[in-house]
Protein backbone atom coordinates (compact mmCIF):
# COMPACT_ATOMS: atom_id res chain seq x y z
CA MET A 1 57.83 3.62 -28.75
CA GLN A 2 58.04 7.23 -30.02
CA ARG A 3 54.40 8.56 -30.28
CA MET A 4 54.10 11.72 -33.09
CA THR A 5 54.02 15.02 -31.71
CA ARG A 6 51.04 17.47 -32.57
CA ASP A 7 53.04 19.32 -35.22
CA GLN A 8 54.24 15.93 -36.55
CA ILE A 9 50.61 14.69 -36.70
CA ALA A 10 49.61 17.93 -38.83
CA ALA A 11 52.20 17.14 -41.32
CA ARG A 12 51.39 13.33 -41.82
CA VAL A 13 47.64 14.87 -42.31
CA ALA A 14 49.02 17.84 -44.76
CA GLN A 15 50.75 14.66 -46.65
CA ASP A 16 47.23 13.69 -48.16
CA ILE A 17 45.63 16.97 -49.09
CA HIS A 18 45.59 16.42 -52.62
CA GLU A 19 46.43 18.85 -55.46
CA GLY A 20 43.38 21.43 -55.97
CA ALA A 21 41.80 20.43 -53.00
CA TYR A 22 39.48 22.58 -51.15
CA VAL A 23 40.08 22.00 -47.43
CA ASN A 24 38.42 23.03 -44.44
CA LEU A 25 40.56 22.99 -41.00
CA GLY A 26 38.87 23.04 -37.79
CA ILE A 27 39.30 25.22 -34.88
CA GLY A 28 42.35 23.63 -32.57
CA LEU A 29 44.41 21.37 -33.42
CA PRO A 30 43.53 20.93 -37.25
CA THR A 31 44.91 24.83 -37.76
CA MET A 32 48.02 23.41 -37.43
CA VAL A 33 47.99 21.25 -40.93
CA ALA A 34 48.25 25.05 -42.96
CA ASN A 35 51.53 25.09 -41.71
CA HIS A 36 52.88 21.77 -43.55
CA LEU A 37 51.27 22.30 -46.67
CA PRO A 38 53.94 22.53 -49.56
CA ALA A 39 53.74 25.89 -51.27
CA GLU A 40 54.22 24.33 -54.74
CA ARG A 41 50.65 22.45 -54.05
CA GLU A 42 48.04 24.41 -54.71
CA VAL A 43 45.07 24.22 -51.88
CA PHE A 44 41.99 26.52 -51.21
CA LEU A 45 41.96 26.53 -47.61
CA HIS A 46 38.31 27.80 -46.56
CA SER A 47 37.09 28.99 -43.10
CA GLU A 48 33.30 28.98 -41.72
CA ASN A 49 33.37 32.44 -40.80
CA GLY A 50 33.76 33.83 -44.24
CA LEU A 51 37.40 33.22 -45.55
CA LEU A 52 38.88 31.38 -48.92
CA GLY A 53 42.74 30.62 -49.45
CA MET A 54 44.29 31.17 -46.44
CA GLY A 55 47.88 30.78 -45.89
CA PRO A 56 49.83 29.85 -43.06
CA ALA A 57 50.31 31.24 -39.66
CA PRO A 58 51.74 35.39 -39.75
CA ALA A 59 55.10 35.71 -38.32
CA PRO A 60 55.14 37.28 -34.99
CA GLY A 61 54.23 40.91 -35.16
CA GLU A 62 52.52 40.72 -38.63
CA GLU A 63 49.18 39.39 -37.40
CA ASP A 64 45.97 41.61 -38.73
CA GLU A 65 43.39 41.23 -36.36
CA ASP A 66 40.98 41.91 -38.86
CA LEU A 67 41.85 39.04 -40.39
CA ILE A 68 41.06 35.59 -38.53
CA ASN A 69 39.42 32.18 -38.75
CA ALA A 70 36.49 30.30 -37.26
CA GLY A 71 39.39 29.58 -33.94
CA LYS A 72 39.49 33.50 -33.86
CA GLN A 73 43.33 32.89 -34.38
CA PRO A 74 45.25 35.46 -37.00
CA VAL A 75 46.06 34.05 -40.55
CA THR A 76 46.71 35.20 -43.73
CA LEU A 77 45.52 35.05 -47.22
CA LEU A 78 47.24 34.11 -50.19
CA ALA A 79 47.18 35.68 -53.45
CA GLY A 80 43.40 35.55 -54.93
CA GLY A 81 42.02 34.72 -51.19
CA CYS A 82 38.73 36.30 -50.65
CA TYR A 83 36.36 36.96 -47.61
CA PHE A 84 32.86 36.89 -47.49
CA HIS A 85 29.45 36.64 -45.50
CA HIS A 86 29.52 33.69 -43.20
CA GLY A 87 25.89 32.67 -44.90
CA ASP A 88 27.64 32.11 -48.00
CA SER A 89 30.40 30.52 -46.89
CA PHE A 90 27.90 27.80 -44.95
CA ALA A 91 26.15 27.25 -48.39
CA MET A 92 29.81 25.94 -49.48
CA MET A 93 29.98 23.71 -46.54
CA ARG A 94 26.22 22.35 -46.45
CA GLY A 95 26.21 22.23 -50.34
CA GLY A 96 29.27 19.60 -50.56
CA HIS A 97 31.60 21.75 -52.14
CA LEU A 98 34.31 21.25 -49.64
CA ASP A 99 36.70 17.84 -50.91
CA ILE A 100 38.13 17.51 -46.89
CA CYS A 101 37.37 19.18 -43.81
CA VAL A 102 40.00 18.19 -41.02
CA LEU A 103 38.32 18.01 -37.59
CA GLY A 104 39.51 17.37 -33.68
CA ALA A 105 37.59 14.74 -31.96
CA PHE A 106 36.46 13.41 -28.43
CA GLN A 107 35.78 10.48 -30.03
CA VAL A 108 35.22 8.35 -32.97
CA SER A 109 32.89 5.27 -33.40
CA ARG A 110 34.43 2.13 -35.36
CA LYS A 111 31.50 3.24 -37.56
CA GLY A 112 32.74 6.65 -37.96
CA ASP A 113 30.51 8.26 -35.82
CA LEU A 114 31.90 11.42 -34.60
CA ALA A 115 31.68 13.02 -31.13
CA ASN A 116 33.38 16.60 -30.72
CA TRP A 117 31.31 19.59 -29.68
CA HIS A 118 30.51 18.25 -26.00
CA THR A 119 30.98 15.88 -23.32
CA GLY A 120 28.12 15.78 -21.55
CA ALA A 121 29.36 16.69 -18.41
CA LYS A 122 27.78 19.12 -16.56
CA ASP A 123 30.42 21.98 -16.57
CA ALA A 124 31.33 21.51 -19.83
CA ILE A 125 31.22 24.54 -22.66
CA PRO A 126 29.48 22.75 -25.79
CA ALA A 127 31.21 24.59 -29.02
CA VAL A 128 29.01 23.59 -31.94
CA GLY A 129 30.15 26.35 -34.50
CA GLY A 130 30.04 24.77 -37.92
CA ALA A 131 31.03 21.30 -36.90
CA MET A 132 27.75 19.24 -38.16
CA ASP A 133 27.43 21.00 -41.37
CA LEU A 134 31.13 20.31 -41.87
CA ALA A 135 31.20 16.32 -40.92
CA ILE A 136 27.53 15.97 -43.45
CA GLY A 137 28.94 18.45 -45.87
CA ALA A 138 32.36 17.40 -47.21
CA LYS A 139 33.59 14.63 -49.40
CA GLN A 140 35.77 13.34 -46.95
CA VAL A 141 36.34 13.78 -43.12
CA PHE A 142 39.92 13.63 -41.63
CA VAL A 143 39.99 13.60 -37.80
CA MET A 144 43.36 14.52 -36.29
CA MET A 145 43.64 13.51 -32.22
CA GLU A 146 45.75 12.34 -29.33
CA HIS A 147 45.22 8.65 -29.31
CA GLN A 148 44.04 8.46 -25.67
CA THR A 149 42.59 10.75 -23.11
CA ARG A 150 44.70 12.25 -20.32
CA GLN A 151 43.06 8.91 -18.42
CA GLY A 152 44.77 6.74 -20.64
CA GLU A 153 41.11 5.53 -22.34
CA SER A 154 40.93 5.30 -26.35
CA LYS A 155 39.46 7.47 -27.97
CA ILE A 156 38.61 5.23 -30.80
CA VAL A 157 35.65 3.48 -29.16
CA ASP A 158 33.16 0.89 -30.14
CA GLU A 159 29.95 3.24 -29.57
CA CYS A 160 30.26 6.90 -29.05
CA SER A 161 28.98 7.98 -25.56
CA TYR A 162 29.21 11.46 -25.97
CA PRO A 163 26.81 13.84 -28.22
CA LEU A 164 27.30 12.83 -31.35
CA THR A 165 28.46 15.69 -34.14
CA GLY A 166 27.88 13.21 -37.38
CA VAL A 167 26.98 9.87 -38.07
CA GLY A 168 29.04 7.81 -40.12
CA CYS A 169 30.70 10.48 -41.42
CA VAL A 170 34.56 9.90 -40.78
CA SER A 171 36.62 8.75 -43.44
CA ARG A 172 40.30 8.67 -41.86
CA ILE A 173 41.81 9.09 -38.32
CA TYR A 174 45.24 10.51 -37.63
CA THR A 175 46.50 9.73 -34.29
CA ASP A 176 50.13 10.14 -32.25
CA LEU A 177 49.76 6.55 -33.32
CA ALA A 178 48.23 5.21 -36.06
CA VAL A 179 46.50 6.06 -39.34
CA ILE A 180 43.23 4.34 -38.88
CA ASP A 181 40.70 4.31 -42.21
CA VAL A 182 37.32 3.67 -41.52
CA THR A 183 35.72 1.25 -43.92
CA ALA A 184 32.65 -1.04 -44.42
CA ASP A 185 34.98 -3.85 -43.45
CA GLY A 186 35.65 -2.19 -40.42
CA LEU A 187 39.06 -0.10 -38.66
CA VAL A 188 41.76 -0.68 -40.98
CA VAL A 189 45.70 0.18 -39.58
CA ARG A 190 47.56 1.70 -42.54
CA GLU A 191 50.47 3.30 -40.47
CA MET A 192 52.15 2.94 -36.90
CA VAL A 193 54.70 4.67 -35.37
CA PRO A 194 57.90 3.13 -35.13
CA GLY A 195 57.92 0.58 -32.26
CA LEU A 196 54.84 -0.06 -31.85
CA SER A 197 53.21 -3.46 -33.09
CA PHE A 198 49.75 -3.93 -34.73
CA GLU A 199 48.86 -5.87 -31.20
CA GLU A 200 49.78 -3.53 -28.91
CA LEU A 201 48.16 -0.74 -30.43
CA GLN A 202 44.73 -2.70 -30.77
CA ASP A 203 45.32 -3.39 -27.01
CA ILE A 204 45.76 0.33 -26.09
CA SER A 205 42.63 0.39 -28.70
CA GLY A 206 40.47 -1.76 -27.21
CA LEU A 207 38.42 -2.77 -29.69
CA ALA A 208 38.99 -5.15 -33.20
CA LEU A 209 41.32 -3.55 -35.80
CA LYS A 210 42.47 -4.65 -38.90
CA GLU A 211 45.90 -4.37 -40.68
CA ALA A 212 45.88 -3.33 -44.24
CA GLN A 213 47.10 -5.56 -46.66
CA PRO A 214 49.95 -4.96 -48.90
């Protein structure tokens, strides 16, 4: 079994972003998706600090310190892109104007509950940002993350033990092992990495999964 790299997970997410979509890429791992969107596909990338029409990361030495995303990373702006007040940006998020948001996560429950802003640990620094607004405002919420913690525990759980970001908001989960849909009938496995059996994935996940029907 060969786990996917973070770049490979990002590339897999990019495959599912359709032409003409308005998309927010959360801080951290999701920002890598921008580097894998085909140049011929028109996708409008949004950042909650007030950007629309972001392109891939700039080449080394071509960074503009005044052009950054919500994670303070340098970005590029495509032709026709624009920037505006973050209040207007949050109005876009809360008003249901985003087709997809891609977020990282500490945990996702079998019901699609999302925990990605705080582990609850006393020494942890909470990172609220716009995650709550994105989780409930976007039409679809994609989560990308490693399947397990460094301690080997599954991040896909029966019930989230960390403080929630949103309830029942996640549509699809992309990990280094599988692509899993959150449905009314449970967690449905759409894809797995080569060399991994469904039984092994279910054992690693520690909860009931369903195989997608052909």
